[in-house]
Every structure is written in structure tokens, then in C-alpha cells.
Amino acid sequence: MYKRALLILGLCVTVSSCTTDEENPFLITPTQVGPLKKEVKINQLDSIFAGDSIVRQTTGPEQLRSTDEIKIFDKDGNALMSLEPLQEFDSTSTIGYIRILDSRYETKHGVNVKSTFKDIVENYNISRIENTINSAVVFLDEINAYVTIDKNQLPTSLRYDTDSKIRASQIPDDAKIKYFMIYWN
């Protein structure tokens, strides 16, 4: 009887935790950002975001026009995300990059665009940190993401140096995320 009760309780917990992830319309996983899944094609966005606004930024001559960036806004005009196709000039291309703009989009550990570096370190393994002109780019390979931290938040000795290796210990806990990017390729 006791084993049976534990089995039923375990099944209930498993089922409820699975449905919680599926019910969160703003969940970020390695293969999903809200309603977008890794295999979604650019030409499917209109049906996925039927109640929202999609703005496509295109460049090039009319006959060779390519979509560079696609911004998604909710029905209230709030920017949700910005997308880039993996292949230009191809409406059947999948999504290559997603810039998260709305703080409701978050990982299962609650990391979102308003998180701090401490939130990242406490919840994810940092794969590597790249030093660019204006930012430290922190890669989180387990969720196919990277975040940028503005160098203005780093120690003065690192702000104007692109050659030094930036270590996680050099980034202040309270450093805010500048960009939260998901990459699928």
C-alpha cells in the first residue's frame, strides 16, 4: 500500500511538472522560445503569431530583397523578440538567431533579460566568455544562448582592452544583461 501511494504521488509530480513547462507560453529551452520551436520555418511565423504584429525589415533591390530581421510585437505593441533567418532569401529557412526583448520569456531557472550575471552563474555553466570592443559575451551552450554584458559594468582594467581573457570572476554579480540571444544552427 505504501509503495503504491509513493508510485502514484511520483507520477502526479512528474505529470504536473511536465504540463507546467508545456503551459508556460514564454518558456526558453534549447529548442524552444515560447511558441517557436527550432524547426519552425520563417513562412510559418504569420500563423504562429496570428494575434500579434510581425514587422519584417528587408534590404536589397526589389527583385533580390532579403529579410534581415523580423520583429514580433504583442497586440499591445510591446516588443517580444527579434528574429533572423538562418538562410537569407529563403522563406523556408528556419530561425538562426532570436534576440529576447520581453522579460516574460525566461528559462526554467527564471533567467530573463532583466537577470543579473549572478543569476546566470547560479543556474548555468558558462561555456566561454569572449572579449569584444564593447561587451563581454557569455556563452551558455546548454540552452543555445549567449548574453552580452556591457564593458561599462566591468573593472576599469578590462573596459578598453580587447586582448585580455575575461574570467567569470571578473564580472560583477550585479552586472545586467545587455542582450539575451538564442542561436539555432
N, C-alpha and C. Protein backbone atom coordinates (compact mmCIF):
# COMPACT_ATOMS: atom_id res chain seq x y z
N MET A 1 0.83 -1.19 0.00
CA MET A 1 0.00 0.00 0.00
C MET A 1 0.88 1.27 0.00
N TYR A 2 1.90 1.28 0.84
CA TYR A 2 2.80 2.42 0.95
C TYR A 2 3.54 2.66 -0.37
N LYS A 3 4.04 1.58 -0.98
CA LYS A 3 4.75 1.69 -2.25
C LYS A 3 3.82 2.20 -3.35
N ARG A 4 2.60 1.74 -3.32
CA ARG A 4 1.62 2.17 -4.33
C ARG A 4 1.32 3.66 -4.20
N ALA A 5 1.17 4.14 -2.98
CA ALA A 5 0.91 5.56 -2.74
C ALA A 5 2.09 6.41 -3.22
N LEU A 6 3.33 5.94 -2.94
CA LEU A 6 4.51 6.66 -3.42
C LEU A 6 4.58 6.68 -4.94
N LEU A 7 4.24 5.56 -5.57
CA LEU A 7 4.24 5.50 -7.03
C LEU A 7 3.24 6.49 -7.61
N ILE A 8 2.05 6.53 -7.07
CA ILE A 8 1.01 7.45 -7.55
C ILE A 8 1.44 8.89 -7.33
N LEU A 9 2.01 9.18 -6.15
CA LEU A 9 2.48 10.53 -5.87
C LEU A 9 3.59 10.93 -6.85
N GLY A 10 4.51 10.01 -7.10
CA GLY A 10 5.59 10.28 -8.05
C GLY A 10 5.07 10.55 -9.45
N LEU A 11 4.10 9.80 -9.89
CA LEU A 11 3.50 10.02 -11.21
C LEU A 11 2.81 11.37 -11.27
N CYS A 12 2.11 11.74 -10.21
CA CYS A 12 1.42 13.04 -10.19
C CYS A 12 2.42 14.19 -10.29
N VAL A 13 3.52 14.09 -9.55
CA VAL A 13 4.55 15.13 -9.60
C VAL A 13 5.16 15.21 -10.99
N THR A 14 5.45 14.06 -11.59
CA THR A 14 6.03 14.03 -12.93
C THR A 14 5.08 14.65 -13.95
N VAL A 15 3.83 14.26 -13.91
CA VAL A 15 2.84 14.79 -14.86
C VAL A 15 2.65 16.28 -14.66
N SER A 16 2.56 16.73 -13.42
CA SER A 16 2.34 18.16 -13.19
C SER A 16 3.55 18.98 -13.59
N SER A 17 4.78 18.47 -13.40
CA SER A 17 5.95 19.23 -13.82
C SER A 17 6.06 19.28 -15.33
N CYS A 18 5.65 18.25 -16.02
CA CYS A 18 5.68 18.25 -17.49
C CYS A 18 4.66 19.23 -18.03
N THR A 19 3.47 19.24 -17.49
CA THR A 19 2.45 20.13 -18.01
C THR A 19 2.77 21.58 -17.68
N THR A 20 3.48 21.83 -16.58
CA THR A 20 3.85 23.20 -16.25
C THR A 20 4.73 23.79 -17.34
N ASP A 21 5.74 23.01 -17.80
CA ASP A 21 6.61 23.50 -18.86
C ASP A 21 5.83 23.75 -20.14
N GLU A 22 4.92 22.85 -20.47
CA GLU A 22 4.15 22.99 -21.70
C GLU A 22 3.16 24.15 -21.62
N GLU A 23 2.69 24.46 -20.42
CA GLU A 23 1.71 25.52 -20.27
C GLU A 23 2.33 26.91 -20.24
N ASN A 24 3.63 27.02 -20.00
CA ASN A 24 4.29 28.32 -19.95
C ASN A 24 4.50 28.82 -21.38
N PRO A 25 3.73 29.82 -21.80
CA PRO A 25 3.86 30.30 -23.19
C PRO A 25 5.13 31.13 -23.43
N PHE A 26 5.94 31.35 -22.40
CA PHE A 26 7.14 32.17 -22.53
C PHE A 26 8.42 31.41 -22.16
N LEU A 27 8.35 30.09 -22.12
CA LEU A 27 9.49 29.28 -21.71
C LEU A 27 10.59 29.26 -22.78
N ILE A 28 11.84 29.39 -22.31
CA ILE A 28 13.01 29.26 -23.18
C ILE A 28 13.70 27.95 -22.84
N THR A 29 13.88 27.09 -23.85
CA THR A 29 14.63 25.84 -23.71
C THR A 29 15.66 25.81 -24.83
N PRO A 30 16.50 24.80 -24.90
CA PRO A 30 17.48 24.74 -26.00
C PRO A 30 16.84 24.68 -27.39
N THR A 31 15.60 24.22 -27.49
CA THR A 31 14.96 24.07 -28.80
C THR A 31 13.65 24.84 -28.92
N GLN A 32 13.37 25.73 -27.97
CA GLN A 32 12.08 26.43 -27.98
C GLN A 32 12.22 27.81 -27.33
N VAL A 33 11.52 28.77 -27.90
CA VAL A 33 11.35 30.09 -27.28
C VAL A 33 9.87 30.39 -27.39
N GLY A 34 9.15 30.25 -26.26
CA GLY A 34 7.70 30.43 -26.29
C GLY A 34 7.08 29.49 -27.32
N PRO A 35 6.29 30.04 -28.25
CA PRO A 35 5.64 29.18 -29.25
C PRO A 35 6.56 28.74 -30.39
N LEU A 36 7.76 29.30 -30.45
CA LEU A 36 8.70 28.95 -31.53
C LEU A 36 9.51 27.72 -31.17
N LYS A 37 9.54 26.79 -32.09
CA LYS A 37 10.38 25.61 -31.94
C LYS A 37 11.51 25.71 -32.96
N LYS A 38 12.59 25.03 -32.71
CA LYS A 38 13.79 25.11 -33.55
C LYS A 38 13.50 24.82 -35.02
N GLU A 39 12.56 23.93 -35.30
CA GLU A 39 12.28 23.53 -36.69
C GLU A 39 11.28 24.44 -37.42
N VAL A 40 10.76 25.47 -36.75
CA VAL A 40 9.80 26.38 -37.37
C VAL A 40 10.47 27.14 -38.51
N LYS A 41 9.73 27.27 -39.60
CA LYS A 41 10.24 28.00 -40.77
C LYS A 41 9.72 29.44 -40.75
N ILE A 42 10.46 30.32 -41.38
CA ILE A 42 10.11 31.74 -41.43
C ILE A 42 8.70 31.94 -41.99
N ASN A 43 8.32 31.15 -42.99
CA ASN A 43 7.00 31.32 -43.60
C ASN A 43 5.85 30.84 -42.70
N GLN A 44 6.16 30.28 -41.52
CA GLN A 44 5.13 29.85 -40.58
C GLN A 44 4.86 30.88 -39.48
N LEU A 45 5.63 31.94 -39.44
CA LEU A 45 5.51 32.93 -38.37
C LEU A 45 4.14 33.60 -38.33
N ASP A 46 3.56 33.88 -39.50
CA ASP A 46 2.25 34.54 -39.54
C ASP A 46 1.19 33.73 -38.82
N SER A 47 1.22 32.42 -38.95
CA SER A 47 0.21 31.60 -38.28
C SER A 47 0.52 31.43 -36.79
N ILE A 48 1.79 31.37 -36.42
CA ILE A 48 2.17 31.22 -35.01
C ILE A 48 1.85 32.48 -34.22
N PHE A 49 2.08 33.64 -34.82
CA PHE A 49 1.83 34.92 -34.15
C PHE A 49 0.63 35.63 -34.77
N ALA A 50 -0.43 34.89 -35.03
CA ALA A 50 -1.62 35.43 -35.70
C ALA A 50 -2.23 36.63 -34.96
N GLY A 51 -2.19 36.63 -33.64
CA GLY A 51 -2.77 37.73 -32.86
C GLY A 51 -1.80 38.85 -32.58
N ASP A 52 -0.58 38.74 -33.06
CA ASP A 52 0.46 39.72 -32.81
C ASP A 52 0.86 40.43 -34.10
N SER A 53 1.77 41.36 -34.01
CA SER A 53 2.25 42.08 -35.19
C SER A 53 3.65 41.60 -35.55
N ILE A 54 3.86 41.41 -36.85
CA ILE A 54 5.17 40.99 -37.35
C ILE A 54 5.67 42.08 -38.29
N VAL A 55 6.87 42.58 -38.01
CA VAL A 55 7.48 43.62 -38.85
C VAL A 55 8.75 43.04 -39.45
N ARG A 56 8.79 43.00 -40.78
CA ARG A 56 9.96 42.46 -41.48
C ARG A 56 10.80 43.60 -42.03
N GLN A 57 12.06 43.60 -41.68
CA GLN A 57 13.00 44.59 -42.22
C GLN A 57 13.73 43.93 -43.37
N THR A 58 13.59 44.50 -44.55
CA THR A 58 14.21 43.91 -45.74
C THR A 58 15.21 44.88 -46.34
N THR A 59 16.18 44.32 -47.09
CA THR A 59 17.17 45.14 -47.77
C THR A 59 17.40 44.60 -49.17
N GLY A 60 18.04 45.39 -49.98
CA GLY A 60 18.40 44.97 -51.34
C GLY A 60 17.40 45.44 -52.37
N PRO A 61 17.75 45.30 -53.67
CA PRO A 61 16.83 45.69 -54.74
C PRO A 61 15.56 44.84 -54.66
N GLU A 62 14.47 45.40 -55.18
CA GLU A 62 13.16 44.76 -55.04
C GLU A 62 13.15 43.29 -55.44
N GLN A 63 13.76 42.95 -56.57
CA GLN A 63 13.72 41.56 -57.03
C GLN A 63 14.64 40.64 -56.21
N LEU A 64 15.61 41.19 -55.50
CA LEU A 64 16.53 40.40 -54.69
C LEU A 64 16.38 40.66 -53.19
N ARG A 65 15.29 41.25 -52.80
CA ARG A 65 15.08 41.65 -51.43
C ARG A 65 15.22 40.48 -50.45
N SER A 66 15.95 40.70 -49.37
CA SER A 66 16.09 39.65 -48.36
C SER A 66 15.60 40.17 -47.02
N THR A 67 15.11 39.27 -46.20
CA THR A 67 14.65 39.63 -44.87
C THR A 67 15.83 39.54 -43.92
N ASP A 68 16.21 40.69 -43.36
CA ASP A 68 17.34 40.74 -42.44
C ASP A 68 16.91 40.48 -41.01
N GLU A 69 15.78 41.06 -40.65
CA GLU A 69 15.33 40.98 -39.27
C GLU A 69 13.81 40.98 -39.23
N ILE A 70 13.27 40.22 -38.30
CA ILE A 70 11.82 40.15 -38.12
C ILE A 70 11.55 40.45 -36.66
N LYS A 71 10.76 41.49 -36.42
CA LYS A 71 10.40 41.84 -35.04
C LYS A 71 8.97 41.42 -34.77
N ILE A 72 8.75 40.85 -33.59
CA ILE A 72 7.43 40.41 -33.16
C ILE A 72 6.98 41.30 -32.03
N PHE A 73 5.78 41.88 -32.18
CA PHE A 73 5.18 42.73 -31.16
C PHE A 73 3.86 42.10 -30.73
N ASP A 74 3.54 42.19 -29.43
CA ASP A 74 2.25 41.66 -28.99
C ASP A 74 1.14 42.62 -29.39
N LYS A 75 -0.10 42.25 -29.11
CA LYS A 75 -1.25 43.07 -29.54
C LYS A 75 -1.29 44.45 -28.90
N ASP A 76 -0.54 44.62 -27.78
CA ASP A 76 -0.47 45.92 -27.12
C ASP A 76 0.70 46.77 -27.62
N GLY A 77 1.45 46.25 -28.59
CA GLY A 77 2.57 46.98 -29.17
C GLY A 77 3.90 46.78 -28.46
N ASN A 78 3.96 45.88 -27.49
CA ASN A 78 5.21 45.61 -26.79
C ASN A 78 6.09 44.67 -27.61
N ALA A 79 7.37 45.01 -27.73
CA ALA A 79 8.31 44.17 -28.49
C ALA A 79 8.57 42.88 -27.71
N LEU A 80 8.36 41.75 -28.38
CA LEU A 80 8.59 40.44 -27.76
C LEU A 80 9.97 39.90 -28.07
N MET A 81 10.31 39.92 -29.36
CA MET A 81 11.58 39.35 -29.81
C MET A 81 11.92 39.85 -31.21
N SER A 82 13.17 39.65 -31.56
CA SER A 82 13.66 39.98 -32.89
C SER A 82 14.32 38.72 -33.43
N LEU A 83 14.00 38.35 -34.67
CA LEU A 83 14.48 37.10 -35.26
C LEU A 83 15.32 37.37 -36.50
N GLU A 84 16.24 36.46 -36.76
CA GLU A 84 16.98 36.49 -38.02
C GLU A 84 16.92 35.10 -38.62
N PRO A 85 16.62 34.99 -39.92
CA PRO A 85 16.59 33.66 -40.56
C PRO A 85 18.00 33.08 -40.66
N LEU A 86 18.07 31.76 -40.66
CA LEU A 86 19.35 31.09 -40.81
C LEU A 86 19.90 31.31 -42.22
N GLN A 87 19.01 31.27 -43.24
CA GLN A 87 19.40 31.47 -44.62
C GLN A 87 18.65 32.68 -45.20
N GLU A 88 19.40 33.65 -45.70
CA GLU A 88 18.75 34.80 -46.36
C GLU A 88 18.11 34.34 -47.67
N PHE A 89 17.17 35.09 -48.15
CA PHE A 89 16.49 34.85 -49.44
C PHE A 89 15.70 33.54 -49.46
N ASP A 90 15.39 32.97 -48.30
CA ASP A 90 14.71 31.69 -48.28
C ASP A 90 13.60 31.70 -47.24
N SER A 91 12.35 31.78 -47.70
CA SER A 91 11.21 31.82 -46.77
C SER A 91 10.99 30.48 -46.08
N THR A 92 11.62 29.43 -46.57
CA THR A 92 11.50 28.12 -45.92
C THR A 92 12.66 27.88 -44.94
N SER A 93 13.49 28.90 -44.76
CA SER A 93 14.59 28.79 -43.81
C SER A 93 14.05 28.71 -42.38
N THR A 94 14.81 28.08 -41.53
CA THR A 94 14.47 28.09 -40.10
C THR A 94 15.07 29.36 -39.49
N ILE A 95 14.85 29.53 -38.21
CA ILE A 95 15.33 30.71 -37.49
C ILE A 95 16.77 30.47 -37.05
N GLY A 96 17.62 31.45 -37.25
CA GLY A 96 19.02 31.33 -36.85
C GLY A 96 19.28 31.94 -35.48
N TYR A 97 18.77 33.16 -35.28
CA TYR A 97 19.01 33.89 -34.03
C TYR A 97 17.72 34.52 -33.54
N ILE A 98 17.58 34.55 -32.22
CA ILE A 98 16.44 35.22 -31.59
C ILE A 98 16.99 36.12 -30.50
N ARG A 99 16.68 37.40 -30.58
CA ARG A 99 17.02 38.32 -29.50
C ARG A 99 15.78 38.47 -28.64
N ILE A 100 15.88 38.10 -27.38
CA ILE A 100 14.76 38.19 -26.45
C ILE A 100 14.64 39.64 -25.99
N LEU A 101 13.45 40.22 -26.14
CA LEU A 101 13.22 41.61 -25.76
C LEU A 101 12.26 41.76 -24.58
N ASP A 102 11.44 40.77 -24.34
CA ASP A 102 10.41 40.82 -23.30
C ASP A 102 10.83 39.96 -22.11
N SER A 103 10.76 40.51 -20.91
CA SER A 103 11.22 39.79 -19.72
C SER A 103 10.32 38.62 -19.33
N ARG A 104 9.16 38.48 -19.94
CA ARG A 104 8.32 37.32 -19.64
C ARG A 104 8.93 36.04 -20.21
N TYR A 105 9.75 36.16 -21.25
CA TYR A 105 10.45 34.99 -21.78
C TYR A 105 11.59 34.67 -20.83
N GLU A 106 11.56 33.45 -20.28
CA GLU A 106 12.58 33.06 -19.33
C GLU A 106 12.86 31.57 -19.39
N THR A 107 14.02 31.19 -18.89
CA THR A 107 14.41 29.78 -18.84
C THR A 107 13.70 29.12 -17.66
N LYS A 108 13.84 27.81 -17.57
CA LYS A 108 13.20 27.09 -16.46
C LYS A 108 13.77 27.52 -15.11
N HIS A 109 14.95 28.15 -15.11
CA HIS A 109 15.55 28.65 -13.88
C HIS A 109 15.25 30.14 -13.66
N GLY A 110 14.39 30.71 -14.49
CA GLY A 110 13.98 32.10 -14.29
C GLY A 110 14.91 33.15 -14.87
N VAL A 111 15.89 32.76 -15.66
CA VAL A 111 16.80 33.73 -16.26
C VAL A 111 16.09 34.40 -17.43
N ASN A 112 16.11 35.76 -17.43
CA ASN A 112 15.48 36.53 -18.49
C ASN A 112 16.30 37.79 -18.76
N VAL A 113 15.78 38.68 -19.58
CA VAL A 113 16.55 39.88 -19.97
C VAL A 113 16.83 40.81 -18.79
N LYS A 114 16.11 40.67 -17.70
CA LYS A 114 16.33 41.53 -16.53
C LYS A 114 17.19 40.85 -15.47
N SER A 115 17.71 39.68 -15.77
CA SER A 115 18.55 38.95 -14.83
C SER A 115 19.92 39.60 -14.70
N THR A 116 20.63 39.22 -13.65
CA THR A 116 21.99 39.69 -13.43
C THR A 116 22.96 38.55 -13.73
N PHE A 117 24.24 38.89 -13.76
CA PHE A 117 25.26 37.87 -14.01
C PHE A 117 25.22 36.80 -12.91
N LYS A 118 24.93 37.20 -11.69
CA LYS A 118 24.83 36.23 -10.59
C LYS A 118 23.75 35.19 -10.88
N ASP A 119 22.60 35.63 -11.42
CA ASP A 119 21.52 34.69 -11.78
C ASP A 119 22.01 33.65 -12.79
N ILE A 120 22.82 34.10 -13.72
CA ILE A 120 23.35 33.20 -14.76
C ILE A 120 24.31 32.19 -14.14
N VAL A 121 25.26 32.68 -13.35
CA VAL A 121 26.28 31.82 -12.75
C VAL A 121 25.65 30.78 -11.82
N GLU A 122 24.62 31.17 -11.10
CA GLU A 122 23.98 30.25 -10.16
C GLU A 122 23.17 29.16 -10.85
N ASN A 123 22.79 29.37 -12.12
CA ASN A 123 21.90 28.43 -12.79
C ASN A 123 22.47 27.72 -14.00
N TYR A 124 23.57 28.22 -14.57
CA TYR A 124 24.10 27.64 -15.80
C TYR A 124 25.61 27.57 -15.77
N ASN A 125 26.14 26.62 -16.53
CA ASN A 125 27.59 26.52 -16.74
C ASN A 125 27.96 27.47 -17.87
N ILE A 126 28.95 28.27 -17.64
CA ILE A 126 29.43 29.18 -18.68
C ILE A 126 30.39 28.41 -19.57
N SER A 127 30.09 28.34 -20.86
CA SER A 127 30.92 27.60 -21.80
C SER A 127 32.20 28.36 -22.13
N ARG A 128 32.06 29.66 -22.34
CA ARG A 128 33.21 30.51 -22.62
C ARG A 128 32.76 31.97 -22.55
N ILE A 129 33.75 32.85 -22.45
CA ILE A 129 33.49 34.29 -22.45
C ILE A 129 34.38 34.91 -23.50
N GLU A 130 33.79 35.66 -24.42
CA GLU A 130 34.56 36.34 -25.45
C GLU A 130 34.62 37.83 -25.15
N ASN A 131 35.76 38.41 -25.42
CA ASN A 131 36.02 39.81 -25.16
C ASN A 131 35.88 40.58 -26.48
N THR A 132 34.88 41.45 -26.58
CA THR A 132 34.70 42.27 -27.78
C THR A 132 34.98 43.74 -27.44
N ILE A 133 34.82 44.61 -28.39
CA ILE A 133 35.12 46.02 -28.17
C ILE A 133 34.29 46.62 -27.04
N ASN A 134 32.98 46.37 -27.04
CA ASN A 134 32.09 47.00 -26.07
C ASN A 134 31.48 46.06 -25.04
N SER A 135 31.68 44.74 -25.21
CA SER A 135 30.96 43.79 -24.36
C SER A 135 31.78 42.56 -24.03
N ALA A 136 31.33 41.90 -22.96
CA ALA A 136 31.77 40.54 -22.66
C ALA A 136 30.62 39.65 -23.11
N VAL A 137 30.90 38.69 -23.98
CA VAL A 137 29.86 37.80 -24.50
C VAL A 137 30.00 36.47 -23.76
N VAL A 138 28.93 36.12 -23.02
CA VAL A 138 28.94 34.94 -22.16
C VAL A 138 28.09 33.86 -22.82
N PHE A 139 28.72 32.73 -23.16
CA PHE A 139 28.02 31.65 -23.87
C PHE A 139 27.51 30.60 -22.89
N LEU A 140 26.24 30.22 -23.08
CA LEU A 140 25.57 29.20 -22.27
C LEU A 140 25.12 28.10 -23.23
N ASP A 141 26.04 27.24 -23.63
CA ASP A 141 25.77 26.24 -24.66
C ASP A 141 24.63 25.30 -24.30
N GLU A 142 24.42 25.03 -23.02
CA GLU A 142 23.37 24.07 -22.64
C GLU A 142 21.97 24.55 -22.99
N ILE A 143 21.80 25.85 -23.21
CA ILE A 143 20.49 26.36 -23.65
C ILE A 143 20.59 27.08 -24.99
N ASN A 144 21.71 26.88 -25.71
CA ASN A 144 21.92 27.53 -27.02
C ASN A 144 21.72 29.04 -26.92
N ALA A 145 22.37 29.64 -25.93
CA ALA A 145 22.18 31.07 -25.71
C ALA A 145 23.52 31.75 -25.42
N TYR A 146 23.51 33.05 -25.63
CA TYR A 146 24.60 33.87 -25.12
C TYR A 146 24.00 35.19 -24.67
N VAL A 147 24.66 35.79 -23.69
CA VAL A 147 24.25 37.09 -23.19
C VAL A 147 25.44 38.02 -23.31
N THR A 148 25.16 39.29 -23.51
CA THR A 148 26.24 40.26 -23.54
C THR A 148 26.14 41.13 -22.29
N ILE A 149 27.28 41.44 -21.75
CA ILE A 149 27.40 42.32 -20.59
C ILE A 149 28.20 43.52 -21.07
N ASP A 150 27.65 44.72 -20.92
CA ASP A 150 28.34 45.93 -21.34
C ASP A 150 29.64 46.08 -20.54
N LYS A 151 30.71 46.43 -21.23
CA LYS A 151 32.01 46.57 -20.56
C LYS A 151 32.02 47.70 -19.53
N ASN A 152 31.08 48.63 -19.61
CA ASN A 152 31.00 49.69 -18.61
C ASN A 152 30.73 49.13 -17.22
N GLN A 153 30.25 47.89 -17.14
CA GLN A 153 29.97 47.25 -15.86
C GLN A 153 31.15 46.43 -15.35
N LEU A 154 32.22 46.36 -16.14
CA LEU A 154 33.39 45.58 -15.77
C LEU A 154 34.44 46.47 -15.11
N PRO A 155 35.43 45.87 -14.46
CA PRO A 155 36.52 46.66 -13.88
C PRO A 155 37.19 47.51 -14.96
N THR A 156 37.66 48.67 -14.57
CA THR A 156 38.26 49.63 -15.49
C THR A 156 39.38 49.00 -16.32
N SER A 157 40.15 48.11 -15.74
CA SER A 157 41.28 47.50 -16.45
C SER A 157 40.83 46.68 -17.66
N LEU A 158 39.57 46.26 -17.72
CA LEU A 158 39.07 45.44 -18.83
C LEU A 158 38.25 46.23 -19.86
N ARG A 159 37.87 47.43 -19.53
CA ARG A 159 36.94 48.18 -20.38
C ARG A 159 37.49 48.52 -21.76
N TYR A 160 38.74 48.81 -21.86
CA TYR A 160 39.31 49.27 -23.13
C TYR A 160 40.30 48.27 -23.71
N ASP A 161 40.25 47.05 -23.20
CA ASP A 161 41.18 46.02 -23.61
C ASP A 161 40.42 44.88 -24.27
N THR A 162 40.72 44.62 -25.54
CA THR A 162 40.05 43.52 -26.23
C THR A 162 40.93 42.26 -26.31
N ASP A 163 42.15 42.36 -25.83
CA ASP A 163 43.08 41.24 -25.90
C ASP A 163 43.04 40.34 -24.67
N SER A 164 42.71 40.90 -23.52
CA SER A 164 42.71 40.12 -22.29
C SER A 164 41.57 39.11 -22.26
N LYS A 165 41.84 38.01 -21.61
CA LYS A 165 40.81 37.00 -21.40
C LYS A 165 39.97 37.44 -20.20
N ILE A 166 38.66 37.50 -20.39
CA ILE A 166 37.76 37.87 -19.29
C ILE A 166 37.32 36.59 -18.60
N ARG A 167 37.49 36.56 -17.29
CA ARG A 167 37.05 35.41 -16.49
C ARG A 167 35.74 35.76 -15.80
N ALA A 168 34.96 34.74 -15.52
CA ALA A 168 33.67 34.95 -14.85
C ALA A 168 33.85 35.68 -13.52
N SER A 169 34.92 35.40 -12.83
CA SER A 169 35.16 36.03 -11.53
C SER A 169 35.40 37.54 -11.65
N GLN A 170 35.70 38.03 -12.85
CA GLN A 170 35.93 39.47 -13.06
C GLN A 170 34.64 40.23 -13.37
N ILE A 171 33.57 39.51 -13.62
CA ILE A 171 32.30 40.16 -13.93
C ILE A 171 31.51 40.30 -12.63
N PRO A 172 31.11 41.51 -12.27
CA PRO A 172 30.37 41.71 -11.01
C PRO A 172 29.05 40.95 -11.00
N ASP A 173 28.67 40.44 -9.83
CA ASP A 173 27.40 39.72 -9.67
C ASP A 173 26.20 40.53 -10.14
N ASP A 174 26.24 41.84 -9.90
CA ASP A 174 25.08 42.67 -10.23
C ASP A 174 25.09 43.21 -11.66
N ALA A 175 26.03 42.75 -12.49
CA ALA A 175 26.09 43.19 -13.89
C ALA A 175 24.82 42.75 -14.61
N LYS A 176 24.22 43.69 -15.32
CA LYS A 176 22.96 43.42 -16.01
C LYS A 176 23.22 42.94 -17.44
N ILE A 177 22.26 42.17 -17.94
CA ILE A 177 22.33 41.67 -19.31
C ILE A 177 21.97 42.79 -20.28
N LYS A 178 22.80 42.98 -21.29
CA LYS A 178 22.51 43.95 -22.35
C LYS A 178 21.67 43.28 -23.43
N TYR A 179 22.11 42.11 -23.91
CA TYR A 179 21.38 41.34 -24.91
C TYR A 179 21.29 39.90 -24.47
N PHE A 180 20.14 39.29 -24.71
CA PHE A 180 19.92 37.87 -24.43
C PHE A 180 19.55 37.23 -25.76
N MET A 181 20.46 36.41 -26.28
CA MET A 181 20.31 35.85 -27.62
C MET A 181 20.23 34.32 -27.57
N ILE A 182 19.36 33.78 -28.40
CA ILE A 182 19.26 32.34 -28.61
C ILE A 182 19.77 32.07 -30.02
N TYR A 183 20.58 31.04 -30.18
CA TYR A 183 21.07 30.72 -31.53
C TYR A 183 20.73 29.27 -31.87
N TRP A 184 20.22 29.08 -33.06
CA TRP A 184 19.89 27.75 -33.58
C TRP A 184 20.54 27.60 -34.93
N ASN A 185 21.40 26.62 -35.07
CA ASN A 185 22.01 26.37 -36.37
C ASN A 185 22.30 24.91 -36.56
